[in-house]
Amino acid sequence: MKIVASGLVSSQGFGEHDHQEGAEGEFHYFLAGRGRFYNDGKEYEQNPGSLFYSKPVQRHRSHGSGELPTVFFFVRFQNGSDDREWNELVDKLFASSDVVNIGNGFQLVFEEIRQRASSSNTFFQRSAEHRLYGLLYDLAGGRTPLPTVGQTYVNEALELMQSSLHGTLDLSILARRLGIDSSYFCRIFRQAVGMSPIRYYRSLKVEAARYLLLQTQLPVGQIAANLAFRDEYHFSHSIKQSTGLSPTQIRRGIAETGTPPIPVPNFSIKSTHEDIS
């Protein structure tokens, strides 16, 4: 098994598509928002804690049911028919349904997979694949890993940030919501995630913006407003500072490759700009 793409997305859903051309399977782990998930014509409830599996030939789509967007991790992977260990593991876990409810608390696990899989270091890439293997083995065996106290705080912080991409958060708000000291929170978060809480939160917004630029035709100003940037200039500056490309250049790149965007439902995302307190 080889992970070919992973990320964190905040949107009202995505249109029907498959990954048959690349022979890629895909997991979706939902963190926030509710709706319906459709996999090969079957309809499922989409709730926080739901883990969906789509085979390469299965056309799938998601549709949020509320005003606020859904937030989810995706992990796309390739595996051959001769990869017996992986195929048996996935078949066991999803024997009766394309979805299992694994509950909340796996934000840190999926974030570790996302960061390591996107690294240029091949050792980290392989680490991400082994991390995914380990998670599925735990789930298939009926065992949920028990986090330490520090990991519990980090998971709660990740959940707050990952579900608040359309609002604003700062360090004092996060520490207050967790009920712990700011300096202690910064220390355990950096140890677990590898960066400060605010830097991580900003990186999530940039990744969400990049996804919307590549996979939708929403106007740049609307994406900026949806993700609670101060204005379009601030949005463009943040994107270029993080990626080296302007929003227009990011969209031009996908246009030049001829790769069509994944369709999304034809309605706008409601933005919440108020601080969470």
C-alpha atoms as a PDB file:
ATOM      1  CA  MET A   1       0.000   0.000   0.000  1.00  0.00           C
ATOM      2  CA  LYS A   2       1.222   3.472  -0.898  1.00  0.00           C
ATOM      3  CA  ILE A   3      -0.402   6.759   0.162  1.00  0.00           C
ATOM      4  CA  VAL A   4      -0.657   9.063  -2.852  1.00  0.00           C
ATOM      5  CA  ALA A   5      -2.567  12.004  -1.335  1.00  0.00           C
ATOM      6  CA  SER A   6      -3.967  13.145   1.992  1.00  0.00           C
ATOM      7  CA  GLY A   7      -5.391  16.334   3.384  1.00  0.00           C
ATOM      8  CA  LEU A   8      -7.908  18.153   5.536  1.00  0.00           C
ATOM      9  CA  VAL A   9     -10.943  19.679   3.822  1.00  0.00           C
ATOM     10  CA  SER A  10     -13.695  22.043   4.936  1.00  0.00           C
ATOM     11  CA  SER A  11     -16.566  22.290   2.443  1.00  0.00           C
ATOM     12  CA  GLN A  12     -20.266  21.637   1.986  1.00  0.00           C
ATOM     13  CA  GLY A  13     -19.415  18.394   0.234  1.00  0.00           C
ATOM     14  CA  PHE A  14     -18.091  17.178  -3.096  1.00  0.00           C
ATOM     15  CA  GLY A  15     -19.628  15.873  -6.294  1.00  0.00           C
ATOM     16  CA  GLU A  16     -19.667  12.330  -7.561  1.00  0.00           C
ATOM     17  CA  HIS A  17     -16.350  10.948  -8.783  1.00  0.00           C
ATOM     18  CA  ASP A  18     -14.123   7.882  -8.580  1.00  0.00           C
ATOM     19  CA  HIS A  19     -10.408   7.114  -8.736  1.00  0.00           C
ATOM     20  CA  GLN A  20     -10.563   4.182 -11.114  1.00  0.00           C
ATOM     21  CA  GLU A  21      -8.015   5.677 -13.518  1.00  0.00           C
ATOM     22  CA  GLY A  22      -5.315   5.726 -10.863  1.00  0.00           C
ATOM     23  CA  ALA A  23      -6.564   2.527  -9.178  1.00  0.00           C
ATOM     24  CA  GLU A  24      -6.764   4.448  -5.910  1.00  0.00           C
ATOM     25  CA  GLY A  25      -8.889   3.668  -2.868  1.00  0.00           C
ATOM     26  CA  GLU A  26      -9.883   6.435  -0.469  1.00  0.00           C
ATOM     27  CA  PHE A  27     -10.773   6.956   3.190  1.00  0.00           C
ATOM     28  CA  HIS A  28     -12.808   9.904   4.497  1.00  0.00           C
ATOM     29  CA  TYR A  29     -12.817  10.602   8.241  1.00  0.00           C
ATOM     30  CA  PHE A  30     -15.384  13.235   9.244  1.00  0.00           C
ATOM     31  CA  LEU A  31     -14.690  15.600  12.133  1.00  0.00           C
ATOM     32  CA  ALA A  32     -17.543  18.109  12.048  1.00  0.00           C
ATOM     33  CA  GLY A  33     -20.857  18.661  10.300  1.00  0.00           C
ATOM     34  CA  ARG A  34     -23.543  16.220   9.264  1.00  0.00           C
ATOM     35  CA  GLY A  35     -24.951  15.134   5.958  1.00  0.00           C
ATOM     36  CA  ARG A  36     -25.224  12.232   3.544  1.00  0.00           C
ATOM     37  CA  PHE A  37     -22.464  10.168   1.946  1.00  0.00           C
ATOM     38  CA  TYR A  38     -23.140   8.208  -1.240  1.00  0.00           C
ATOM     39  CA  ASN A  39     -20.912   5.303  -2.198  1.00  0.00           C
ATOM     40  CA  ASP A  40     -21.659   3.359  -5.375  1.00  0.00           C
ATOM     41  CA  GLY A  41     -25.353   4.221  -5.166  1.00  0.00           C
ATOM     42  CA  LYS A  42     -25.698   3.424  -1.454  1.00  0.00           C
ATOM     43  CA  GLU A  43     -26.692   6.224   0.916  1.00  0.00           C
ATOM     44  CA  TYR A  44     -25.238   6.605   4.418  1.00  0.00           C
ATOM     45  CA  GLU A  45     -25.549   9.062   7.274  1.00  0.00           C
ATOM     46  CA  GLN A  46     -22.458  11.249   7.527  1.00  0.00           C
ATOM     47  CA  ASN A  47     -21.656  12.187  11.130  1.00  0.00           C
ATOM     48  CA  PRO A  48     -18.600  13.261  13.127  1.00  0.00           C
ATOM     49  CA  GLY A  49     -16.551  10.132  13.771  1.00  0.00           C
ATOM     50  CA  SER A  50     -17.619   8.372  10.547  1.00  0.00           C
ATOM     51  CA  LEU A  51     -14.882   6.638   8.554  1.00  0.00           C
ATOM     52  CA  PHE A  52     -15.843   5.826   4.952  1.00  0.00           C
ATOM     53  CA  TYR A  53     -14.015   3.561   2.514  1.00  0.00           C
ATOM     54  CA  SER A  54     -14.396   3.882  -1.265  1.00  0.00           C
ATOM     55  CA  LYS A  55     -12.833   1.381  -3.651  1.00  0.00           C
ATOM     56  CA  PRO A  56     -11.246   2.703  -6.871  1.00  0.00           C
ATOM     57  CA  VAL A  57     -14.288   1.759  -8.979  1.00  0.00           C
ATOM     58  CA  GLN A  58     -16.846   3.140  -6.516  1.00  0.00           C
ATOM     59  CA  ARG A  59     -18.280   6.527  -7.432  1.00  0.00           C
ATOM     60  CA  HIS A  60     -18.809   8.545  -4.277  1.00  0.00           C
ATOM     61  CA  ARG A  61     -20.020  11.966  -3.204  1.00  0.00           C
ATOM     62  CA  SER A  62     -20.801  13.909  -0.045  1.00  0.00           C
ATOM     63  CA  HIS A  63     -23.494  16.445   0.737  1.00  0.00           C
ATOM     64  CA  GLY A  64     -23.600  18.473   3.953  1.00  0.00           C
ATOM     65  CA  SER A  65     -27.019  19.030   5.488  1.00  0.00           C
ATOM     66  CA  GLY A  66     -26.396  22.113   7.645  1.00  0.00           C
ATOM     67  CA  GLU A  67     -25.473  25.732   7.090  1.00  0.00           C
ATOM     68  CA  LEU A  68     -21.917  25.190   8.349  1.00  0.00           C
ATOM     69  CA  PRO A  69     -19.497  23.104   6.263  1.00  0.00           C
ATOM     70  CA  THR A  70     -18.360  19.589   7.002  1.00  0.00           C
ATOM     71  CA  VAL A  71     -14.726  19.027   7.942  1.00  0.00           C
ATOM     72  CA  PHE A  72     -12.943  15.817   7.036  1.00  0.00           C
ATOM     73  CA  PHE A  73      -9.610  14.170   6.416  1.00  0.00           C
ATOM     74  CA  PHE A  74      -9.093  12.175   3.240  1.00  0.00           C
ATOM     75  CA  VAL A  75      -6.397   9.597   2.558  1.00  0.00           C
ATOM     76  CA  ARG A  76      -6.034   8.253  -0.976  1.00  0.00           C
ATOM     77  CA  PHE A  77      -3.864   5.208  -1.609  1.00  0.00           C
ATOM     78  CA  GLN A  78      -2.810   2.643  -4.175  1.00  0.00           C
ATOM     79  CA  ASN A  79      -2.630  -1.056  -3.513  1.00  0.00           C
ATOM     80  CA  GLY A  80      -2.259  -4.020  -5.801  1.00  0.00           C
ATOM     81  CA  SER A  81      -4.364  -7.163  -5.925  1.00  0.00           C
ATOM     82  CA  ASP A  82      -1.315  -9.039  -4.661  1.00  0.00           C
ATOM     83  CA  ASP A  83      -1.174  -6.917  -1.485  1.00  0.00           C
ATOM     84  CA  ARG A  84      -2.874  -9.646   0.493  1.00  0.00           C
ATOM     85  CA  GLU A  85      -2.232  -8.269   3.980  1.00  0.00           C
ATOM     86  CA  TRP A  86      -3.753  -4.852   3.215  1.00  0.00           C
ATOM     87  CA  ASN A  87      -6.723  -6.247   1.297  1.00  0.00           C
ATOM     88  CA  GLU A  88      -7.601  -8.713   4.050  1.00  0.00           C
ATOM     89  CA  LEU A  89      -7.347  -5.968   6.676  1.00  0.00           C
ATOM     90  CA  VAL A  90      -9.622  -3.547   4.824  1.00  0.00           C
ATOM     91  CA  ASP A  91     -12.086  -6.330   3.932  1.00  0.00           C
ATOM     92  CA  LYS A  92     -12.325  -7.328   7.595  1.00  0.00           C
ATOM     93  CA  LEU A  93     -12.923  -3.788   8.823  1.00  0.00           C
ATOM     94  CA  PHE A  94     -15.499  -2.935   6.147  1.00  0.00           C
ATOM     95  CA  ALA A  95     -17.025  -6.400   5.737  1.00  0.00           C
ATOM     96  CA  SER A  96     -20.630  -5.365   6.382  1.00  0.00           C
ATOM     97  CA  SER A  97     -20.649  -1.702   5.387  1.00  0.00           C
ATOM     98  CA  ASP A  98     -18.655   1.002   3.627  1.00  0.00           C
ATOM     99  CA  VAL A  99     -18.644   3.029   6.857  1.00  0.00           C
ATOM    100  CA  VAL A 100     -17.604   2.382  10.439  1.00  0.00           C
ATOM    101  CA  ASN A 101     -18.172   4.796  13.304  1.00  0.00           C
ATOM    102  CA  ILE A 102     -14.805   5.080  15.031  1.00  0.00           C
ATOM    103  CA  GLY A 103     -15.826   8.146  17.040  1.00  0.00           C
ATOM    104  CA  ASN A 104     -13.953  11.337  17.789  1.00  0.00           C
ATOM    105  CA  GLY A 105     -10.423  11.388  19.149  1.00  0.00           C
ATOM    106  CA  PHE A 106      -8.438  10.381  16.068  1.00  0.00           C
ATOM    107  CA  GLN A 107      -7.633  13.909  14.914  1.00  0.00           C
ATOM    108  CA  LEU A 108      -3.999  13.590  15.955  1.00  0.00           C
ATOM    109  CA  VAL A 109      -3.572  10.222  14.230  1.00  0.00           C
ATOM    110  CA  PHE A 110      -4.896  11.534  10.920  1.00  0.00           C
ATOM    111  CA  GLU A 111      -2.925  14.757  11.279  1.00  0.00           C
ATOM    112  CA  GLU A 112       0.269  12.736  11.749  1.00  0.00           C
ATOM    113  CA  ILE A 113      -0.578  10.738   8.619  1.00  0.00           C
ATOM    114  CA  ARG A 114      -1.299  13.929   6.662  1.00  0.00           C
ATOM    115  CA  GLN A 115       1.935  15.650   7.642  1.00  0.00           C
ATOM    116  CA  ARG A 116       4.179  12.646   7.124  1.00  0.00           C
ATOM    117  CA  ALA A 117       2.573  11.612   3.835  1.00  0.00           C
ATOM    118  CA  SER A 118       3.094  15.111   2.407  1.00  0.00           C
ATOM    119  CA  SER A 119       6.774  15.180   3.406  1.00  0.00           C
ATOM    120  CA  SER A 120       9.516  14.908   0.762  1.00  0.00           C
ATOM    121  CA  ASN A 121      11.350  12.563   3.133  1.00  0.00           C
ATOM    122  CA  THR A 122      10.707   8.966   2.035  1.00  0.00           C
ATOM    123  CA  PHE A 123      11.175   7.697   5.589  1.00  0.00           C
ATOM    124  CA  PHE A 124       8.354   9.965   6.792  1.00  0.00           C
ATOM    125  CA  GLN A 125       6.194   8.841   3.862  1.00  0.00           C
ATOM    126  CA  ARG A 126       6.669   5.217   4.836  1.00  0.00           C
ATOM    127  CA  SER A 127       5.998   6.162   8.461  1.00  0.00           C
ATOM    128  CA  ALA A 128       2.613   7.579   7.404  1.00  0.00           C
ATOM    129  CA  GLU A 129       1.735   4.308   5.685  1.00  0.00           C
ATOM    130  CA  HIS A 130       2.709   2.275   8.745  1.00  0.00           C
ATOM    131  CA  ARG A 131       0.697   4.680  10.932  1.00  0.00           C
ATOM    132  CA  LEU A 132      -2.364   4.039   8.771  1.00  0.00           C
ATOM    133  CA  TYR A 133      -1.745   0.291   8.931  1.00  0.00           C
ATOM    134  CA  GLY A 134      -1.508   0.470  12.721  1.00  0.00           C
ATOM    135  CA  LEU A 135      -4.744   2.424  13.025  1.00  0.00           C
ATOM    136  CA  LEU A 136      -6.676  -0.061  10.876  1.00  0.00           C
ATOM    137  CA  TYR A 137      -5.258  -3.017  12.784  1.00  0.00           C
ATOM    138  CA  ASP A 138      -6.360  -1.450  16.086  1.00  0.00           C
ATOM    139  CA  LEU A 139      -9.842  -0.792  14.709  1.00  0.00           C
ATOM    140  CA  ALA A 140     -10.184  -4.247  13.132  1.00  0.00           C
ATOM    141  CA  GLY A 141      -9.137  -5.821  16.423  1.00  0.00           C
ATOM    142  CA  GLY A 142     -11.699  -3.804  18.345  1.00  0.00           C
ATOM    143  CA  ARG A 143      -9.093  -1.812  20.246  1.00  0.00           C
ATOM    144  CA  THR A 144      -9.196   1.966  20.539  1.00  0.00           C
ATOM    145  CA  PRO A 145      -5.843   3.501  21.557  1.00  0.00           C
ATOM    146  CA  LEU A 146      -6.063   5.354  24.865  1.00  0.00           C
ATOM    147  CA  PRO A 147      -4.487   8.828  24.702  1.00  0.00           C
ATOM    148  CA  THR A 148      -2.404  10.318  27.487  1.00  0.00           C
ATOM    149  CA  VAL A 149      -3.617  13.440  29.288  1.00  0.00           C
ATOM    150  CA  GLY A 150      -1.436  15.616  27.043  1.00  0.00           C
ATOM    151  CA  GLN A 151      -2.690  13.874  23.904  1.00  0.00           C
ATOM    152  CA  THR A 152      -6.275  14.413  25.067  1.00  0.00           C
ATOM    153  CA  TYR A 153      -5.684  18.162  25.247  1.00  0.00           C
ATOM    154  CA  VAL A 154      -4.021  18.141  21.836  1.00  0.00           C
ATOM    155  CA  ASN A 155      -6.897  16.160  20.310  1.00  0.00           C
ATOM    156  CA  GLU A 156      -9.412  18.613  21.778  1.00  0.00           C
ATOM    157  CA  ALA A 157      -7.405  21.538  20.408  1.00  0.00           C
ATOM    158  CA  LEU A 158      -7.184  19.919  16.974  1.00  0.00           C
ATOM    159  CA  GLU A 159     -10.930  19.359  16.970  1.00  0.00           C
ATOM    160  CA  LEU A 160     -11.540  23.012  17.843  1.00  0.00           C
ATOM    161  CA  MET A 161      -9.201  24.296  15.133  1.00  0.00           C
ATOM    162  CA  GLN A 162     -10.239  21.836  12.447  1.00  0.00           C
ATOM    163  CA  SER A 163     -13.927  22.643  12.971  1.00  0.00           C
ATOM    164  CA  SER A 164     -13.337  26.424  13.151  1.00  0.00           C
ATOM    165  CA  LEU A 165     -11.766  27.120   9.772  1.00  0.00           C
ATOM    166  CA  HIS A 166     -14.599  29.521   8.969  1.00  0.00           C
ATOM    167  CA  GLY A 167     -14.133  31.532  12.153  1.00  0.00           C
ATOM    168  CA  THR A 168     -11.204  32.948  14.111  1.00  0.00           C
ATOM    169  CA  LEU A 169      -9.230  31.554  17.037  1.00  0.00           C
ATOM    170  CA  ASP A 170      -6.248  32.763  19.035  1.00  0.00           C
ATOM    171  CA  LEU A 171      -4.037  31.207  21.689  1.00  0.00           C
ATOM    172  CA  SER A 172      -5.944  32.661  24.650  1.00  0.00           C
ATOM    173  CA  ILE A 173      -9.271  31.337  23.343  1.00  0.00           C
ATOM    174  CA  LEU A 174      -7.852  27.851  22.791  1.00  0.00           C
ATOM    175  CA  ALA A 175      -6.200  27.668  26.239  1.00  0.00           C
ATOM    176  CA  ARG A 176      -9.361  28.964  27.907  1.00  0.00           C
ATOM    177  CA  ARG A 177     -11.546  26.418  26.140  1.00  0.00           C
ATOM    178  CA  LEU A 178      -9.175  23.633  27.217  1.00  0.00           C
ATOM    179  CA  GLY A 179      -8.896  24.998  30.766  1.00  0.00           C
ATOM    180  CA  ILE A 180      -5.109  24.907  30.837  1.00  0.00           C
ATOM    181  CA  ASP A 181      -2.212  27.359  30.936  1.00  0.00           C
ATOM    182  CA  SER A 182      -1.191  28.860  27.573  1.00  0.00           C
ATOM    183  CA  SER A 183       2.506  28.060  27.934  1.00  0.00           C
ATOM    184  CA  TYR A 184       1.799  24.423  28.894  1.00  0.00           C
ATOM    185  CA  PHE A 185      -0.606  24.110  25.971  1.00  0.00           C
ATOM    186  CA  CYS A 186       1.976  25.498  23.513  1.00  0.00           C
ATOM    187  CA  ARG A 187       4.607  23.076  24.795  1.00  0.00           C
ATOM    188  CA  ILE A 188       2.532  19.880  24.518  1.00  0.00           C
ATOM    189  CA  PHE A 189       1.038  20.939  21.183  1.00  0.00           C
ATOM    190  CA  ARG A 190       4.447  21.628  19.651  1.00  0.00           C
ATOM    191  CA  GLN A 191       5.758  18.295  20.951  1.00  0.00           C
ATOM    192  CA  ALA A 192       2.820  16.419  19.359  1.00  0.00           C
ATOM    193  CA  VAL A 193       2.320  18.309  16.089  1.00  0.00           C
ATOM    194  CA  GLY A 194       5.747  19.834  15.440  1.00  0.00           C
ATOM    195  CA  MET A 195       4.674  23.491  15.292  1.00  0.00           C
ATOM    196  CA  SER A 196       2.941  26.116  17.395  1.00  0.00           C
ATOM    197  CA  PRO A 197      -0.888  26.055  17.676  1.00  0.00           C
ATOM    198  CA  ILE A 198      -1.380  29.314  15.768  1.00  0.00           C
ATOM    199  CA  ARG A 199       1.011  28.343  12.990  1.00  0.00           C
ATOM    200  CA  TYR A 200      -0.857  25.062  12.638  1.00  0.00           C
ATOM    201  CA  TYR A 201      -4.240  26.838  12.572  1.00  0.00           C
ATOM    202  CA  ARG A 202      -3.015  29.178   9.826  1.00  0.00           C
ATOM    203  CA  SER A 203      -1.671  26.225   7.829  1.00  0.00           C
ATOM    204  CA  LEU A 204      -5.110  24.590   8.004  1.00  0.00           C
ATOM    205  CA  LYS A 205      -6.731  27.703   6.569  1.00  0.00           C
ATOM    206  CA  VAL A 206      -4.178  27.819   3.750  1.00  0.00           C
ATOM    207  CA  GLU A 207      -4.740  24.143   2.939  1.00  0.00           C
ATOM    208  CA  ALA A 208      -8.514  24.618   2.968  1.00  0.00           C
ATOM    209  CA  ALA A 209      -8.100  27.631   0.681  1.00  0.00           C
ATOM    210  CA  ARG A 210      -5.862  25.715  -1.696  1.00  0.00           C
ATOM    211  CA  TYR A 211      -8.402  22.905  -1.916  1.00  0.00           C
ATOM    212  CA  LEU A 212     -11.215  25.344  -2.726  1.00  0.00           C
ATOM    213  CA  LEU A 213      -9.058  27.100  -5.336  1.00  0.00           C
ATOM    214  CA  LEU A 214      -8.192  23.812  -7.030  1.00  0.00           C
ATOM    215  CA  GLN A 215     -11.443  21.938  -6.672  1.00  0.00           C
ATOM    216  CA  THR A 216     -14.137  24.617  -6.996  1.00  0.00           C
ATOM    217  CA  GLN A 217     -14.865  27.661  -9.097  1.00  0.00           C
ATOM    218  CA  LEU A 218     -15.822  29.871  -6.164  1.00  0.00           C
ATOM    219  CA  PRO A 219     -14.584  33.474  -6.569  1.00  0.00           C
ATOM    220  CA  VAL A 220     -11.365  34.266  -4.711  1.00  0.00           C
ATOM    221  CA  GLY A 221     -13.129  36.939  -2.634  1.00  0.00           C
ATOM    222  CA  GLN A 222     -15.782  34.458  -1.527  1.00  0.00           C
ATOM    223  CA  ILE A 223     -13.173  31.886  -0.491  1.00  0.00           C
ATOM    224  CA  ALA A 224     -11.382  34.580   1.509  1.00  0.00           C
ATOM    225  CA  ALA A 225     -14.619  35.569   3.266  1.00  0.00           C
ATOM    226  CA  ASN A 226     -15.632  31.957   3.897  1.00  0.00           C
ATOM    227  CA  LEU A 227     -12.329  31.279   5.661  1.00  0.00           C
ATOM    228  CA  ALA A 228     -12.524  34.514   7.707  1.00  0.00           C
ATOM    229  CA  PHE A 229      -9.533  36.287   6.200  1.00  0.00           C
ATOM    230  CA  ARG A 230      -9.624  40.051   6.798  1.00  0.00           C
ATOM    231  CA  ASP A 231      -9.934  40.821   3.111  1.00  0.00           C
ATOM    232  CA  GLU A 232      -8.929  39.513  -0.300  1.00  0.00           C
ATOM    233  CA  TYR A 233      -5.493  41.175  -0.121  1.00  0.00           C
ATOM    234  CA  HIS A 234      -4.701  39.506   3.212  1.00  0.00           C
ATOM    235  CA  PHE A 235      -5.912  36.200   1.779  1.00  0.00           C
ATOM    236  CA  SER A 236      -3.728  36.463  -1.340  1.00  0.00           C
ATOM    237  CA  HIS A 237      -0.698  37.516   0.701  1.00  0.00           C
ATOM    238  CA  SER A 238      -1.124  34.569   3.108  1.00  0.00           C
ATOM    239  CA  ILE A 239      -1.509  32.072   0.262  1.00  0.00           C
ATOM    240  CA  LYS A 240       1.577  33.342  -1.581  1.00  0.00           C
ATOM    241  CA  GLN A 241       3.643  33.481   1.616  1.00  0.00           C
ATOM    242  CA  SER A 242       2.824  29.834   2.374  1.00  0.00           C
ATOM    243  CA  THR A 243       2.832  28.289  -1.117  1.00  0.00           C
ATOM    244  CA  GLY A 244       4.954  30.648  -3.198  1.00  0.00           C
ATOM    245  CA  LEU A 245       2.027  31.070  -5.579  1.00  0.00           C
ATOM    246  CA  SER A 246      -0.832  33.539  -5.806  1.00  0.00           C
ATOM    247  CA  PRO A 247      -4.430  32.237  -5.857  1.00  0.00           C
ATOM    248  CA  THR A 248      -4.558  32.987  -9.595  1.00  0.00           C
ATOM    249  CA  GLN A 249      -1.351  31.029 -10.216  1.00  0.00           C
ATOM    250  CA  ILE A 250      -2.686  28.054  -8.258  1.00  0.00           C
ATOM    251  CA  ARG A 251      -5.815  27.988 -10.401  1.00  0.00           C
ATOM    252  CA  ARG A 252      -3.826  28.524 -13.597  1.00  0.00           C
ATOM    253  CA  GLY A 253      -1.690  25.518 -12.722  1.00  0.00           C
ATOM    254  CA  ILE A 254      -4.672  23.161 -12.516  1.00  0.00           C
ATOM    255  CA  ALA A 255      -6.066  24.645 -15.731  1.00  0.00           C
ATOM    256  CA  GLU A 256      -2.800  24.032 -17.591  1.00  0.00           C
ATOM    257  CA  THR A 257      -2.698  20.377 -16.552  1.00  0.00           C
ATOM    258  CA  GLY A 258      -6.153  19.829 -18.000  1.00  0.00           C
ATOM    259  CA  THR A 259      -7.248  18.101 -14.793  1.00  0.00           C
ATOM    260  CA  PRO A 260     -10.944  18.799 -14.118  1.00  0.00           C
ATOM    261  CA  PRO A 261     -11.879  19.824 -10.575  1.00  0.00           C
ATOM    262  CA  ILE A 262     -13.919  17.537  -8.372  1.00  0.00           C
ATOM    263  CA  PRO A 263     -17.479  18.871  -8.638  1.00  0.00           C
ATOM    264  CA  VAL A 264     -19.002  20.442  -5.552  1.00  0.00           C
ATOM    265  CA  PRO A 265     -22.635  21.205  -4.685  1.00  0.00           C
ATOM    266  CA  ASN A 266     -23.894  24.438  -6.229  1.00  0.00           C
ATOM    267  CA  PHE A 267     -24.375  26.521  -3.103  1.00  0.00           C
ATOM    268  CA  SER A 268     -22.222  28.852  -1.082  1.00  0.00           C
ATOM    269  CA  ILE A 269     -20.626  28.224   2.289  1.00  0.00           C
ATOM    270  CA  LYS A 270     -21.829  30.318   5.187  1.00  0.00           C
ATOM    271  CA  SER A 271     -18.945  31.951   7.020  1.00  0.00           C
ATOM    272  CA  THR A 272     -18.804  32.603  10.736  1.00  0.00           C
ATOM    273  CA  HIS A 273     -16.417  35.429  11.608  1.00  0.00           C
ATOM    274  CA  GLU A 274     -16.963  35.662  15.319  1.00  0.00           C
ATOM    275  CA  ASP A 275     -14.389  34.383  17.797  1.00  0.00           C
ATOM    276  CA  ILE A 276     -15.236  31.150  19.549  1.00  0.00           C
ATOM    277  CA  SER A 277     -15.526  31.826  23.250  1.00  0.00           C
END
